[in-house]
C-alpha atoms as a PDB file:
ATOM      1  CA  MET A   1       0.079  -0.091  -0.070  1.00  0.00           C
ATOM      2  CA  LYS A   2       2.710   2.504   1.017  1.00  0.00           C
ATOM      3  CA  HIS A   3       4.406   1.771  -2.548  1.00  0.00           C
ATOM      4  CA  GLU A   4       1.187   2.475  -4.318  1.00  0.00           C
ATOM      5  CA  LYS A   5       0.909   5.706  -2.869  1.00  0.00           C
ATOM      6  CA  GLN A   6       4.506   6.705  -3.383  1.00  0.00           C
ATOM      7  CA  LEU A   7       4.242   5.681  -7.073  1.00  0.00           C
ATOM      8  CA  THR A   8       1.022   7.928  -7.374  1.00  0.00           C
ATOM      9  CA  GLU A   9       3.203  10.774  -5.806  1.00  0.00           C
ATOM     10  CA  PHE A  10       6.199  10.183  -8.404  1.00  0.00           C
ATOM     11  CA  LYS A  11       3.702  10.160 -11.330  1.00  0.00           C
ATOM     12  CA  GLY A  12       2.619  13.759 -10.416  1.00  0.00           C
ATOM     13  CA  LYS A  13       6.115  14.789 -10.657  1.00  0.00           C
ATOM     14  CA  THR A  14       8.261  15.821 -13.678  1.00  0.00           C
ATOM     15  CA  ARG A  15      11.187  13.900 -14.917  1.00  0.00           C
ATOM     16  CA  ALA A  16      13.702  16.588 -13.602  1.00  0.00           C
ATOM     17  CA  GLU A  17      12.223  16.495 -10.129  1.00  0.00           C
ATOM     18  CA  LEU A  18      12.422  12.689 -10.086  1.00  0.00           C
ATOM     19  CA  GLU A  19      16.020  12.713 -11.193  1.00  0.00           C
ATOM     20  CA  LYS A  20      16.747  15.414  -8.561  1.00  0.00           C
ATOM     21  CA  LEU A  21      15.013  13.115  -5.899  1.00  0.00           C
ATOM     22  CA  ALA A  22      17.152  10.113  -7.072  1.00  0.00           C
ATOM     23  CA  LEU A  23      20.387  11.942  -6.750  1.00  0.00           C
ATOM     24  CA  GLU A  24      19.373  13.356  -3.224  1.00  0.00           C
ATOM     25  CA  LEU A  25      18.573   9.657  -2.310  1.00  0.00           C
ATOM     26  CA  ARG A  26      21.983   8.428  -3.614  1.00  0.00           C
ATOM     27  CA  ALA A  27      23.779  10.989  -1.365  1.00  0.00           C
ATOM     28  CA  LYS A  28      21.665   9.834   1.406  1.00  0.00           C
ATOM     29  CA  VAL A  29      22.776   6.292   0.952  1.00  0.00           C
ATOM     30  CA  TRP A  30      26.460   7.221   0.728  1.00  0.00           C
ATOM     31  CA  HIS A  31      26.126   8.919   4.096  1.00  0.00           C
ATOM     32  CA  TYR A  32      24.373   5.851   5.402  1.00  0.00           C
ATOM     33  CA  ARG A  33      27.334   3.669   4.268  1.00  0.00           C
ATOM     34  CA  ILE A  34      29.697   5.811   5.682  1.00  0.00           C
ATOM     35  CA  ASP A  35      27.868   5.883   9.141  1.00  0.00           C
ATOM     36  CA  LEU A  36      27.448   1.997   8.861  1.00  0.00           C
ATOM     37  CA  ALA A  37      31.144   1.403   8.330  1.00  0.00           C
ATOM     38  CA  ALA A  38      32.000   3.945  11.107  1.00  0.00           C
ATOM     39  CA  GLY A  39      29.543   1.939  13.485  1.00  0.00           C
ATOM     40  CA  LYS A  40      27.135   4.839  14.053  1.00  0.00           C
ATOM     41  CA  THR A  41      24.425   3.103  12.532  1.00  0.00           C
ATOM     42  CA  LYS A  42      23.127  -0.537  12.685  1.00  0.00           C
ATOM     43  CA  ASN A  43      20.008  -0.051  10.693  1.00  0.00           C
ATOM     44  CA  ILE A  44      20.585  -1.598   7.278  1.00  0.00           C
ATOM     45  CA  LYS A  45      16.985  -1.362   6.484  1.00  0.00           C
ATOM     46  CA  GLU A  46      17.204   2.400   5.982  1.00  0.00           C
ATOM     47  CA  ILE A  47      19.748   2.027   3.204  1.00  0.00           C
ATOM     48  CA  GLN A  48      17.509  -0.849   1.371  1.00  0.00           C
ATOM     49  CA  ALA A  49      14.565   1.438   1.545  1.00  0.00           C
ATOM     50  CA  ALA A  50      16.390   4.384  -0.025  1.00  0.00           C
ATOM     51  CA  LYS A  51      17.629   2.166  -2.884  1.00  0.00           C
ATOM     52  CA  LYS A  52      14.159   0.877  -3.473  1.00  0.00           C
ATOM     53  CA  THR A  53      12.846   4.493  -3.633  1.00  0.00           C
ATOM     54  CA  ILE A  54      15.776   5.504  -6.016  1.00  0.00           C
ATOM     55  CA  ALA A  55      14.784   2.573  -8.343  1.00  0.00           C
ATOM     56  CA  ARG A  56      11.054   3.498  -8.218  1.00  0.00           C
ATOM     57  CA  ALA A  57      11.699   7.025  -8.953  1.00  0.00           C
ATOM     58  CA  LEU A  58      13.865   6.230 -11.940  1.00  0.00           C
ATOM     59  CA  THR A  59      11.523   3.889 -13.319  1.00  0.00           C
ATOM     60  CA  VAL A  60       8.767   6.539 -13.340  1.00  0.00           C
ATOM     61  CA  ALA A  61      11.201   9.092 -14.701  1.00  0.00           C
ATOM     62  CA  SER A  62      12.103   6.512 -17.496  1.00  0.00           C
ATOM     63  CA  GLY A  63       8.500   5.994 -18.356  1.00  0.00           C
ATOM     64  CA  LEU A  64       8.095   9.929 -18.724  1.00  0.00           C
ATOM     65  CA  ARG A  65      11.119   9.978 -21.011  1.00  0.00           C
ATOM     66  CA  ILE A  66       9.656   7.118 -23.314  1.00  0.00           C
ATOM     67  CA  ALA A  67       6.187   8.853 -23.282  1.00  0.00           C
ATOM     68  CA  GLY A  68       7.964  12.196 -24.269  1.00  0.00           C
ATOM     69  CA  LYS A  69       6.930  14.201 -21.302  1.00  0.00           C
END
């Protein structure tokens, strides 16, 4: 259910907005990895969730690119 809501949010955004979101999430994943290596965090699920959100955003952006929007 949460993912369907997220997809409908993504479909309302432009391709540039989705790509910007993916870029921000990639930076967030990088920081999570640094914190994980330093022992500051033990929650791997945040990294996994961010990666899945990146994939969803880029999938919708790709669909918009193909549709020509």
